[in-house]
Amino acid sequence: MPSPSSSPPPILEQEAEQRLEAERMQEVLFLLKNLLDREQITIKAILSCLIDVGTVHLINDRVRIRPLRPLARPLAKVSKPALIFVAHRWVQKKCPQLITQWLQGRILRETKRPQAPQVTVEPIALYQHEIRRLRSRVHLTTGALVGVSSVLVLALLGIDVKSVSPVWQFSSSNRSFDAVIQNHKP
């Protein structure tokens, strides 16, 4: 029979340490969520700065026609409030977990413990799927931006879209294809 003054077995002590560590990491997660809730204005200001810088780089990378770039920048600013709203929701949802995992990883790397309980980890495939989905939305938004910019430039220059292409004239009239070709020969 073990004496009351003897220490608990190492396995029970290790389980207790792991349980305490998991509880403390949950507390860190809760505190980070609370911090992000209280600092909404600061987070939105940070996101606004990041979106400003990101849209300039995105327009410079994606809009190949240089004269359209100055027109694309004001159009990108129109979508800024929606981007801030979506980014803020993402930060509120994902950042506390990511920061907690990062901090826990830093602590474990410094102590070099091989096995440690982790706070619920989402599979990397979910992030890759979300990245692909967001990239496709960026492509769609870029295409829409170029289209709207083109229409805006044509409208500012006073060019009638129907007068630009003979195909439009053919589709809007009852003449035959041969008559359209004969009228447009040089």
N, C-alpha and C. Protein backbone atom coordinates (compact mmCIF):
# COMPACT_ATOMS: atom_id res chain seq x y z
N MET A 1 0.83 -1.16 0.00
CA MET A 1 0.00 0.00 0.00
C MET A 1 0.88 1.24 0.00
N PRO A 2 0.65 2.16 -0.91
CA PRO A 2 1.52 3.34 -0.95
C PRO A 2 1.24 4.26 0.22
N SER A 3 2.28 4.89 0.65
CA SER A 3 2.14 5.82 1.78
C SER A 3 1.54 7.14 1.29
N PRO A 4 0.84 7.86 2.16
CA PRO A 4 0.20 9.10 1.76
C PRO A 4 1.20 10.17 1.34
N SER A 5 2.43 10.07 1.74
CA SER A 5 3.43 11.08 1.40
C SER A 5 4.10 10.82 0.06
N SER A 6 3.84 9.67 -0.57
CA SER A 6 4.49 9.36 -1.84
C SER A 6 3.85 10.18 -2.96
N SER A 7 4.65 10.45 -3.99
CA SER A 7 4.17 11.28 -5.12
C SER A 7 3.30 10.44 -6.04
N PRO A 8 2.39 11.07 -6.79
CA PRO A 8 1.54 10.31 -7.70
C PRO A 8 2.37 9.70 -8.82
N PRO A 9 1.85 8.66 -9.43
CA PRO A 9 2.60 8.04 -10.52
C PRO A 9 2.84 9.04 -11.65
N PRO A 10 3.95 8.87 -12.38
CA PRO A 10 4.30 9.84 -13.44
C PRO A 10 3.22 9.94 -14.52
N ILE A 11 2.50 8.88 -14.81
CA ILE A 11 1.47 8.91 -15.85
C ILE A 11 0.33 9.82 -15.43
N LEU A 12 -0.12 9.71 -14.20
CA LEU A 12 -1.20 10.58 -13.72
C LEU A 12 -0.75 12.04 -13.67
N GLU A 13 0.49 12.26 -13.28
CA GLU A 13 1.01 13.62 -13.22
C GLU A 13 1.07 14.23 -14.63
N GLN A 14 1.50 13.44 -15.60
CA GLN A 14 1.58 13.92 -16.98
C GLN A 14 0.18 14.22 -17.53
N GLU A 15 -0.80 13.38 -17.24
CA GLU A 15 -2.18 13.63 -17.68
C GLU A 15 -2.72 14.91 -17.05
N ALA A 16 -2.41 15.13 -15.80
CA ALA A 16 -2.87 16.34 -15.12
C ALA A 16 -2.23 17.58 -15.75
N GLU A 17 -0.95 17.49 -16.10
CA GLU A 17 -0.28 18.60 -16.76
C GLU A 17 -0.90 18.88 -18.13
N GLN A 18 -1.19 17.82 -18.86
CA GLN A 18 -1.79 17.99 -20.19
C GLN A 18 -3.19 18.59 -20.07
N ARG A 19 -3.94 18.16 -19.10
CA ARG A 19 -5.28 18.71 -18.88
C ARG A 19 -5.20 20.19 -18.52
N LEU A 20 -4.27 20.53 -17.64
CA LEU A 20 -4.08 21.92 -17.26
C LEU A 20 -3.66 22.77 -18.47
N GLU A 21 -2.77 22.22 -19.27
CA GLU A 21 -2.31 22.93 -20.48
C GLU A 21 -3.48 23.16 -21.44
N ALA A 22 -4.31 22.15 -21.65
CA ALA A 22 -5.46 22.29 -22.55
C ALA A 22 -6.44 23.34 -22.00
N GLU A 23 -6.66 23.34 -20.70
CA GLU A 23 -7.56 24.34 -20.10
C GLU A 23 -7.00 25.74 -20.27
N ARG A 24 -5.71 25.89 -20.06
CA ARG A 24 -5.09 27.22 -20.20
C ARG A 24 -5.12 27.69 -21.65
N MET A 25 -4.93 26.79 -22.60
CA MET A 25 -4.98 27.18 -24.01
C MET A 25 -6.42 27.55 -24.41
N GLN A 26 -7.40 26.89 -23.82
CA GLN A 26 -8.80 27.27 -24.05
C GLN A 26 -9.05 28.67 -23.49
N GLU A 27 -8.44 28.96 -22.35
CA GLU A 27 -8.58 30.28 -21.75
C GLU A 27 -7.92 31.35 -22.65
N VAL A 28 -6.76 31.02 -23.22
CA VAL A 28 -6.10 31.94 -24.16
C VAL A 28 -7.01 32.20 -25.36
N LEU A 29 -7.62 31.14 -25.86
CA LEU A 29 -8.54 31.27 -26.99
C LEU A 29 -9.71 32.19 -26.63
N PHE A 30 -10.28 31.99 -25.47
CA PHE A 30 -11.39 32.84 -25.01
C PHE A 30 -10.96 34.29 -24.87
N LEU A 31 -9.78 34.53 -24.30
CA LEU A 31 -9.29 35.89 -24.12
C LEU A 31 -9.02 36.57 -25.47
N LEU A 32 -8.50 35.81 -26.42
CA LEU A 32 -8.27 36.39 -27.75
C LEU A 32 -9.59 36.75 -28.44
N LYS A 33 -10.60 35.90 -28.31
CA LYS A 33 -11.91 36.21 -28.88
C LYS A 33 -12.47 37.48 -28.23
N ASN A 34 -12.33 37.59 -26.92
CA ASN A 34 -12.79 38.76 -26.20
C ASN A 34 -12.04 40.01 -26.65
N LEU A 35 -10.74 39.89 -26.83
CA LEU A 35 -9.93 41.01 -27.28
C LEU A 35 -10.37 41.49 -28.67
N LEU A 36 -10.60 40.54 -29.57
CA LEU A 36 -11.03 40.90 -30.93
C LEU A 36 -12.43 41.53 -30.92
N ASP A 37 -13.28 41.09 -30.02
CA ASP A 37 -14.61 41.70 -29.92
C ASP A 37 -14.52 43.15 -29.44
N ARG A 38 -13.64 43.42 -28.49
CA ARG A 38 -13.51 44.77 -27.93
C ARG A 38 -12.78 45.72 -28.88
N GLU A 39 -11.91 45.21 -29.70
CA GLU A 39 -11.07 46.06 -30.56
C GLU A 39 -11.54 46.03 -32.02
N GLN A 40 -12.84 46.08 -32.24
CA GLN A 40 -13.37 46.02 -33.60
C GLN A 40 -12.92 47.20 -34.45
N ILE A 41 -12.90 48.39 -33.88
CA ILE A 41 -12.51 49.57 -34.65
C ILE A 41 -11.05 49.47 -35.09
N THR A 42 -10.19 49.02 -34.18
CA THR A 42 -8.78 48.87 -34.53
C THR A 42 -8.60 47.82 -35.61
N ILE A 43 -9.30 46.71 -35.48
CA ILE A 43 -9.19 45.65 -36.49
C ILE A 43 -9.67 46.15 -37.85
N LYS A 44 -10.78 46.88 -37.87
CA LYS A 44 -11.28 47.40 -39.14
C LYS A 44 -10.31 48.41 -39.74
N ALA A 45 -9.64 49.20 -38.92
CA ALA A 45 -8.65 50.15 -39.42
C ALA A 45 -7.45 49.41 -40.02
N ILE A 46 -7.01 48.34 -39.36
CA ILE A 46 -5.91 47.54 -39.88
C ILE A 46 -6.32 46.89 -41.20
N LEU A 47 -7.52 46.33 -41.25
CA LEU A 47 -8.00 45.70 -42.48
C LEU A 47 -8.14 46.72 -43.60
N SER A 48 -8.57 47.93 -43.29
CA SER A 48 -8.68 48.97 -44.29
C SER A 48 -7.32 49.27 -44.92
N CYS A 49 -6.30 49.39 -44.09
CA CYS A 49 -4.94 49.64 -44.60
C CYS A 49 -4.47 48.48 -45.47
N LEU A 50 -4.71 47.25 -45.00
CA LEU A 50 -4.28 46.08 -45.77
C LEU A 50 -5.03 45.99 -47.10
N ILE A 51 -6.31 46.32 -47.10
CA ILE A 51 -7.09 46.28 -48.34
C ILE A 51 -6.61 47.35 -49.31
N ASP A 52 -6.28 48.54 -48.80
CA ASP A 52 -5.75 49.60 -49.67
C ASP A 52 -4.48 49.14 -50.38
N VAL A 53 -3.56 48.58 -49.61
CA VAL A 53 -2.30 48.11 -50.19
C VAL A 53 -2.56 46.92 -51.12
N GLY A 54 -3.42 46.00 -50.70
CA GLY A 54 -3.70 44.80 -51.50
C GLY A 54 -4.38 45.11 -52.81
N THR A 55 -5.31 46.07 -52.83
CA THR A 55 -6.00 46.38 -54.08
C THR A 55 -5.06 47.03 -55.09
N VAL A 56 -4.15 47.87 -54.60
CA VAL A 56 -3.18 48.48 -55.52
C VAL A 56 -2.33 47.39 -56.17
N HIS A 57 -1.83 46.46 -55.36
CA HIS A 57 -1.02 45.37 -55.90
C HIS A 57 -1.84 44.47 -56.82
N LEU A 58 -3.08 44.20 -56.44
CA LEU A 58 -3.94 43.35 -57.25
C LEU A 58 -4.23 44.00 -58.60
N ILE A 59 -4.54 45.27 -58.60
CA ILE A 59 -4.82 45.97 -59.86
C ILE A 59 -3.57 46.01 -60.72
N ASN A 60 -2.42 46.28 -60.12
CA ASN A 60 -1.17 46.32 -60.89
C ASN A 60 -0.83 44.95 -61.48
N ASP A 61 -1.15 43.89 -60.75
CA ASP A 61 -0.85 42.54 -61.24
C ASP A 61 -1.87 42.02 -62.25
N ARG A 62 -3.15 42.30 -62.04
CA ARG A 62 -4.21 41.67 -62.83
C ARG A 62 -4.69 42.51 -64.01
N VAL A 63 -4.67 43.83 -63.89
CA VAL A 63 -5.15 44.67 -64.99
C VAL A 63 -3.96 44.91 -65.91
N ARG A 64 -3.96 44.23 -67.05
CA ARG A 64 -2.83 44.27 -67.97
C ARG A 64 -2.77 45.57 -68.78
N ILE A 65 -3.90 46.19 -69.03
CA ILE A 65 -3.96 47.39 -69.84
C ILE A 65 -3.71 48.58 -68.93
N ARG A 66 -2.55 49.24 -69.10
CA ARG A 66 -2.15 50.31 -68.20
C ARG A 66 -3.14 51.47 -68.12
N PRO A 67 -3.73 51.92 -69.24
CA PRO A 67 -4.66 53.06 -69.12
C PRO A 67 -5.90 52.75 -68.29
N LEU A 68 -6.23 51.47 -68.11
CA LEU A 68 -7.40 51.11 -67.30
C LEU A 68 -7.10 51.11 -65.80
N ARG A 69 -5.83 51.08 -65.43
CA ARG A 69 -5.47 51.02 -64.01
C ARG A 69 -5.98 52.22 -63.22
N PRO A 70 -5.79 53.45 -63.72
CA PRO A 70 -6.33 54.58 -62.94
C PRO A 70 -7.86 54.55 -62.81
N LEU A 71 -8.53 53.94 -63.79
CA LEU A 71 -9.99 53.82 -63.70
C LEU A 71 -10.39 52.70 -62.75
N ALA A 72 -9.55 51.69 -62.63
CA ALA A 72 -9.88 50.54 -61.78
C ALA A 72 -9.74 50.87 -60.30
N ARG A 73 -8.85 51.77 -59.96
CA ARG A 73 -8.62 52.08 -58.54
C ARG A 73 -9.85 52.66 -57.85
N PRO A 74 -10.52 53.67 -58.44
CA PRO A 74 -11.73 54.17 -57.76
C PRO A 74 -12.84 53.12 -57.70
N LEU A 75 -12.91 52.27 -58.72
CA LEU A 75 -13.92 51.21 -58.69
C LEU A 75 -13.62 50.20 -57.58
N ALA A 76 -12.35 49.95 -57.33
CA ALA A 76 -11.98 49.03 -56.25
C ALA A 76 -12.32 49.62 -54.89
N LYS A 77 -12.25 50.94 -54.77
CA LYS A 77 -12.59 51.58 -53.50
C LYS A 77 -14.08 51.46 -53.19
N VAL A 78 -14.89 51.30 -54.24
CA VAL A 78 -16.33 51.14 -54.02
C VAL A 78 -16.61 49.83 -53.29
N SER A 79 -15.83 48.80 -53.59
CA SER A 79 -16.06 47.50 -52.96
C SER A 79 -15.37 47.38 -51.61
N LYS A 80 -14.64 48.40 -51.19
CA LYS A 80 -13.88 48.34 -49.93
C LYS A 80 -14.75 48.06 -48.70
N PRO A 81 -15.90 48.72 -48.52
CA PRO A 81 -16.71 48.42 -47.32
C PRO A 81 -17.15 46.96 -47.26
N ALA A 82 -17.50 46.39 -48.39
CA ALA A 82 -17.89 44.97 -48.39
C ALA A 82 -16.70 44.09 -48.05
N LEU A 83 -15.52 44.42 -48.59
CA LEU A 83 -14.33 43.64 -48.27
C LEU A 83 -13.98 43.74 -46.79
N ILE A 84 -14.12 44.92 -46.22
CA ILE A 84 -13.83 45.08 -44.80
C ILE A 84 -14.80 44.25 -43.97
N PHE A 85 -16.07 44.24 -44.35
CA PHE A 85 -17.06 43.46 -43.62
C PHE A 85 -16.72 41.97 -43.66
N VAL A 86 -16.42 41.46 -44.86
CA VAL A 86 -16.09 40.03 -45.01
C VAL A 86 -14.79 39.69 -44.27
N ALA A 87 -13.79 40.54 -44.42
CA ALA A 87 -12.50 40.28 -43.75
C ALA A 87 -12.66 40.34 -42.23
N HIS A 88 -13.46 41.26 -41.73
CA HIS A 88 -13.67 41.35 -40.29
C HIS A 88 -14.36 40.11 -39.76
N ARG A 89 -15.34 39.61 -40.49
CA ARG A 89 -16.02 38.38 -40.07
C ARG A 89 -15.02 37.21 -40.05
N TRP A 90 -14.14 37.15 -41.07
CA TRP A 90 -13.15 36.08 -41.13
C TRP A 90 -12.19 36.19 -39.95
N VAL A 91 -11.73 37.41 -39.66
CA VAL A 91 -10.81 37.61 -38.54
C VAL A 91 -11.47 37.20 -37.23
N GLN A 92 -12.71 37.59 -37.02
CA GLN A 92 -13.42 37.23 -35.80
C GLN A 92 -13.55 35.72 -35.66
N LYS A 93 -13.76 35.04 -36.79
CA LYS A 93 -14.01 33.60 -36.74
C LYS A 93 -12.73 32.78 -36.66
N LYS A 94 -11.72 33.15 -37.43
CA LYS A 94 -10.54 32.28 -37.58
C LYS A 94 -9.32 32.70 -36.76
N CYS A 95 -9.09 33.99 -36.59
CA CYS A 95 -7.83 34.45 -36.00
C CYS A 95 -7.59 33.98 -34.56
N PRO A 96 -8.58 34.01 -33.68
CA PRO A 96 -8.26 33.54 -32.32
C PRO A 96 -7.72 32.11 -32.30
N GLN A 97 -8.32 31.23 -33.10
CA GLN A 97 -7.86 29.85 -33.16
C GLN A 97 -6.46 29.77 -33.75
N LEU A 98 -6.22 30.51 -34.84
CA LEU A 98 -4.90 30.48 -35.48
C LEU A 98 -3.82 31.04 -34.57
N ILE A 99 -4.12 32.13 -33.88
CA ILE A 99 -3.13 32.72 -32.97
C ILE A 99 -2.86 31.79 -31.79
N THR A 100 -3.90 31.17 -31.27
CA THR A 100 -3.73 30.23 -30.15
C THR A 100 -2.85 29.05 -30.58
N GLN A 101 -3.11 28.50 -31.75
CA GLN A 101 -2.30 27.39 -32.24
C GLN A 101 -0.85 27.82 -32.46
N TRP A 102 -0.68 29.03 -33.01
CA TRP A 102 0.67 29.52 -33.24
C TRP A 102 1.42 29.70 -31.92
N LEU A 103 0.76 30.30 -30.94
CA LEU A 103 1.40 30.49 -29.63
C LEU A 103 1.73 29.16 -28.98
N GLN A 104 0.80 28.22 -29.06
CA GLN A 104 1.05 26.90 -28.48
C GLN A 104 2.22 26.22 -29.18
N GLY A 105 2.29 26.37 -30.48
CA GLY A 105 3.42 25.81 -31.23
C GLY A 105 4.74 26.44 -30.83
N ARG A 106 4.74 27.75 -30.60
CA ARG A 106 5.97 28.43 -30.16
C ARG A 106 6.40 27.93 -28.79
N ILE A 107 5.46 27.75 -27.90
CA ILE A 107 5.78 27.28 -26.55
C ILE A 107 6.33 25.85 -26.62
N LEU A 108 5.67 25.01 -27.39
CA LEU A 108 6.08 23.61 -27.46
C LEU A 108 7.43 23.45 -28.17
N ARG A 109 7.70 24.31 -29.14
CA ARG A 109 8.99 24.24 -29.82
C ARG A 109 10.11 24.62 -28.87
N GLU A 110 9.86 25.59 -28.00
CA GLU A 110 10.89 26.01 -27.06
C GLU A 110 11.13 24.97 -25.98
N THR A 111 10.06 24.30 -25.54
CA THR A 111 10.24 23.28 -24.51
C THR A 111 10.58 21.92 -25.12
N LYS A 112 10.33 21.77 -26.43
CA LYS A 112 10.66 20.54 -27.18
C LYS A 112 10.01 19.30 -26.60
N ARG A 113 8.74 19.41 -26.26
CA ARG A 113 8.00 18.23 -25.83
C ARG A 113 7.44 17.56 -27.06
N PRO A 114 7.64 16.26 -27.22
CA PRO A 114 7.22 15.60 -28.45
C PRO A 114 5.70 15.51 -28.62
N GLN A 115 4.96 15.20 -27.56
CA GLN A 115 3.53 15.05 -27.70
C GLN A 115 2.84 16.08 -26.82
N ALA A 116 1.93 16.81 -27.44
CA ALA A 116 1.20 17.81 -26.67
C ALA A 116 -0.23 17.85 -27.16
N PRO A 117 -1.15 18.03 -26.25
CA PRO A 117 -2.53 18.15 -26.70
C PRO A 117 -2.72 19.47 -27.44
N GLN A 118 -3.49 19.41 -28.51
CA GLN A 118 -3.73 20.61 -29.29
C GLN A 118 -5.19 21.01 -29.19
N VAL A 119 -5.40 22.28 -29.30
CA VAL A 119 -6.76 22.78 -29.40
C VAL A 119 -7.24 22.37 -30.79
N THR A 120 -8.52 22.13 -30.95
CA THR A 120 -9.05 21.59 -32.19
C THR A 120 -8.41 22.22 -33.42
N VAL A 121 -7.81 21.37 -34.23
CA VAL A 121 -7.11 21.81 -35.43
C VAL A 121 -7.96 21.48 -36.64
N GLU A 122 -8.17 22.48 -37.50
CA GLU A 122 -8.92 22.23 -38.72
C GLU A 122 -7.97 21.69 -39.78
N PRO A 123 -8.45 20.80 -40.63
CA PRO A 123 -7.59 20.24 -41.67
C PRO A 123 -7.12 21.33 -42.64
N ILE A 124 -5.93 21.15 -43.13
CA ILE A 124 -5.35 22.10 -44.07
C ILE A 124 -6.16 22.13 -45.37
N ALA A 125 -6.77 21.04 -45.73
CA ALA A 125 -7.56 20.99 -46.96
C ALA A 125 -8.68 22.03 -46.95
N LEU A 126 -9.26 22.29 -45.79
CA LEU A 126 -10.31 23.32 -45.70
C LEU A 126 -9.75 24.69 -46.05
N TYR A 127 -8.56 24.98 -45.57
CA TYR A 127 -7.95 26.27 -45.89
C TYR A 127 -7.61 26.35 -47.37
N GLN A 128 -7.11 25.25 -47.94
CA GLN A 128 -6.77 25.25 -49.37
C GLN A 128 -8.03 25.44 -50.20
N HIS A 129 -9.11 24.81 -49.81
CA HIS A 129 -10.37 24.99 -50.53
C HIS A 129 -10.85 26.43 -50.43
N GLU A 130 -10.73 27.00 -49.24
CA GLU A 130 -11.15 28.39 -49.05
C GLU A 130 -10.27 29.34 -49.85
N ILE A 131 -8.97 29.06 -49.91
CA ILE A 131 -8.06 29.89 -50.71
C ILE A 131 -8.44 29.81 -52.18
N ARG A 132 -8.72 28.60 -52.69
CA ARG A 132 -9.13 28.46 -54.10
C ARG A 132 -10.43 29.21 -54.36
N ARG A 133 -11.37 29.12 -53.43
CA ARG A 133 -12.65 29.79 -53.59
C ARG A 133 -12.47 31.31 -53.60
N LEU A 134 -11.64 31.80 -52.71
CA LEU A 134 -11.39 33.24 -52.67
C LEU A 134 -10.65 33.72 -53.91
N ARG A 135 -9.72 32.90 -54.41
CA ARG A 135 -9.02 33.28 -55.65
C ARG A 135 -9.98 33.35 -56.82
N SER A 136 -10.92 32.40 -56.89
CA SER A 136 -11.89 32.45 -57.98
C SER A 136 -12.77 33.69 -57.86
N ARG A 137 -13.11 34.08 -56.64
CA ARG A 137 -13.88 35.31 -56.45
C ARG A 137 -13.08 36.54 -56.87
N VAL A 138 -11.78 36.52 -56.59
CA VAL A 138 -10.92 37.63 -57.00
C VAL A 138 -10.89 37.72 -58.52
N HIS A 139 -10.76 36.57 -59.20
CA HIS A 139 -10.77 36.56 -60.66
C HIS A 139 -12.09 37.09 -61.20
N LEU A 140 -13.18 36.67 -60.60
CA LEU A 140 -14.50 37.14 -61.04
C LEU A 140 -14.64 38.64 -60.82
N THR A 141 -14.21 39.11 -59.66
CA THR A 141 -14.28 40.53 -59.36
C THR A 141 -13.38 41.33 -60.30
N THR A 142 -12.21 40.81 -60.61
CA THR A 142 -11.31 41.48 -61.54
C THR A 142 -11.94 41.57 -62.92
N GLY A 143 -12.54 40.49 -63.38
CA GLY A 143 -13.21 40.50 -64.68
C GLY A 143 -14.35 41.50 -64.71
N ALA A 144 -15.13 41.52 -63.64
CA ALA A 144 -16.24 42.48 -63.57
C ALA A 144 -15.71 43.90 -63.55
N LEU A 145 -14.62 44.11 -62.84
CA LEU A 145 -14.02 45.43 -62.76
C LEU A 145 -13.53 45.90 -64.14
N VAL A 146 -12.90 45.01 -64.89
CA VAL A 146 -12.44 45.36 -66.23
C VAL A 146 -13.63 45.64 -67.14
N GLY A 147 -14.68 44.84 -67.04
CA GLY A 147 -15.87 45.06 -67.86
C GLY A 147 -16.54 46.38 -67.56
N VAL A 148 -16.72 46.67 -66.29
CA VAL A 148 -17.35 47.93 -65.89
C VAL A 148 -16.46 49.10 -66.30
N SER A 149 -15.15 48.94 -66.16
CA SER A 149 -14.23 50.00 -66.56
C SER A 149 -14.32 50.25 -68.06
N SER A 150 -14.42 49.19 -68.83
CA SER A 150 -14.53 49.33 -70.28
C SER A 150 -15.80 50.07 -70.66
N VAL A 151 -16.90 49.70 -70.07
CA VAL A 151 -18.16 50.37 -70.36
C VAL A 151 -18.09 51.83 -69.93
N LEU A 152 -17.48 52.09 -68.78
CA LEU A 152 -17.33 53.46 -68.30
C LEU A 152 -16.47 54.28 -69.26
N VAL A 153 -15.36 53.72 -69.73
CA VAL A 153 -14.50 54.44 -70.67
C VAL A 153 -15.26 54.72 -71.95
N LEU A 154 -15.98 53.74 -72.47
CA LEU A 154 -16.76 53.95 -73.69
C LEU A 154 -17.83 55.02 -73.48
N ALA A 155 -18.45 55.01 -72.32
CA ALA A 155 -19.47 56.01 -72.05
C ALA A 155 -18.86 57.41 -71.92
N LEU A 156 -17.70 57.49 -71.27
CA LEU A 156 -17.04 58.78 -71.13
C LEU A 156 -16.56 59.33 -72.47
N LEU A 157 -16.15 58.45 -73.36
CA LEU A 157 -15.70 58.88 -74.67
C LEU A 157 -16.86 59.13 -75.61
N GLY A 158 -18.05 58.75 -75.23
CA GLY A 158 -19.24 58.98 -76.04
C GLY A 158 -19.36 58.03 -77.21
N ILE A 159 -18.81 56.85 -77.10
CA ILE A 159 -18.88 55.88 -78.17
C ILE A 159 -20.12 55.03 -77.98
N ASP A 160 -20.91 54.91 -79.04
CA ASP A 160 -22.10 54.07 -79.00
C ASP A 160 -21.66 52.63 -79.22
N VAL A 161 -22.04 51.75 -78.32
CA VAL A 161 -21.60 50.35 -78.39
C VAL A 161 -22.12 49.69 -79.66
N LYS A 162 -23.29 50.05 -80.14
CA LYS A 162 -23.85 49.41 -81.34
C LYS A 162 -23.09 49.81 -82.59
N SER A 163 -22.42 50.94 -82.57
CA SER A 163 -21.69 51.38 -83.76
C SER A 163 -20.28 50.81 -83.81
N VAL A 164 -19.85 50.11 -82.78
CA VAL A 164 -18.49 49.59 -82.72
C VAL A 164 -18.33 48.35 -83.58
N SER A 165 -19.30 47.48 -83.65
CA SER A 165 -19.15 46.19 -84.32
C SER A 165 -20.26 45.96 -85.33
N PRO A 166 -19.91 45.50 -86.55
CA PRO A 166 -20.95 45.18 -87.52
C PRO A 166 -21.79 43.97 -87.10
N VAL A 167 -21.29 43.13 -86.21
CA VAL A 167 -22.05 41.97 -85.75
C VAL A 167 -23.30 42.45 -85.03
N TRP A 168 -23.19 43.53 -84.27
CA TRP A 168 -24.35 44.08 -83.58
C TRP A 168 -25.38 44.57 -84.58
N GLN A 169 -24.89 45.19 -85.67
CA GLN A 169 -25.81 45.69 -86.67
C GLN A 169 -26.54 44.54 -87.34
N PHE A 170 -25.81 43.45 -87.62
CA PHE A 170 -26.42 42.31 -88.28
C PHE A 170 -27.48 41.66 -87.40
N SER A 171 -27.18 41.52 -86.12
CA SER A 171 -28.13 40.85 -85.23
C SER A 171 -29.37 41.70 -84.97
N SER A 172 -29.26 43.04 -85.15
CA SER A 172 -30.41 43.89 -84.88
C SER A 172 -31.24 44.18 -86.12
N SER A 173 -30.82 43.70 -87.27
CA SER A 173 -31.59 43.96 -88.50
C SER A 173 -32.03 42.65 -89.13
N ASN A 174 -32.89 42.77 -90.15
CA ASN A 174 -33.39 41.59 -90.84
C ASN A 174 -32.67 41.35 -92.15
N ARG A 175 -31.57 42.08 -92.42
CA ARG A 175 -30.85 41.90 -93.68
C ARG A 175 -30.08 40.59 -93.67
N SER A 176 -29.73 40.14 -94.83
CA SER A 176 -28.98 38.89 -94.93
C SER A 176 -27.50 39.16 -94.67
N PHE A 177 -26.76 38.11 -94.42
CA PHE A 177 -25.34 38.21 -94.14
C PHE A 177 -24.58 38.76 -95.33
N ASP A 178 -24.94 38.38 -96.53
CA ASP A 178 -24.26 38.86 -97.74
C ASP A 178 -24.41 40.37 -97.88
N ALA A 179 -25.58 40.90 -97.58
CA ALA A 179 -25.80 42.34 -97.70
C ALA A 179 -24.93 43.10 -96.71
N VAL A 180 -24.73 42.58 -95.52
CA VAL A 180 -23.89 43.24 -94.51
C VAL A 180 -22.44 43.24 -94.98
N ILE A 181 -21.98 42.12 -95.53
CA ILE A 181 -20.59 42.02 -95.98
C ILE A 181 -20.35 42.97 -97.16
N GLN A 182 -21.27 43.05 -98.12
CA GLN A 182 -21.10 43.94 -99.27
C GLN A 182 -21.09 45.40 -98.84
N ASN A 183 -21.84 45.77 -97.85
CA ASN A 183 -21.87 47.17 -97.38
C ASN A 183 -20.60 47.57 -96.65
N HIS A 184 -19.90 46.62 -96.07
CA HIS A 184 -18.72 46.91 -95.27
C HIS A 184 -17.42 46.67 -96.00
N LYS A 185 -17.44 46.30 -97.29
CA LYS A 185 -16.20 46.10 -98.04
C LYS A 185 -15.56 47.46 -98.30
N PRO A 186 -14.22 47.54 -98.22
CA PRO A 186 -13.54 48.82 -98.46
C PRO A 186 -13.53 49.23 -99.92
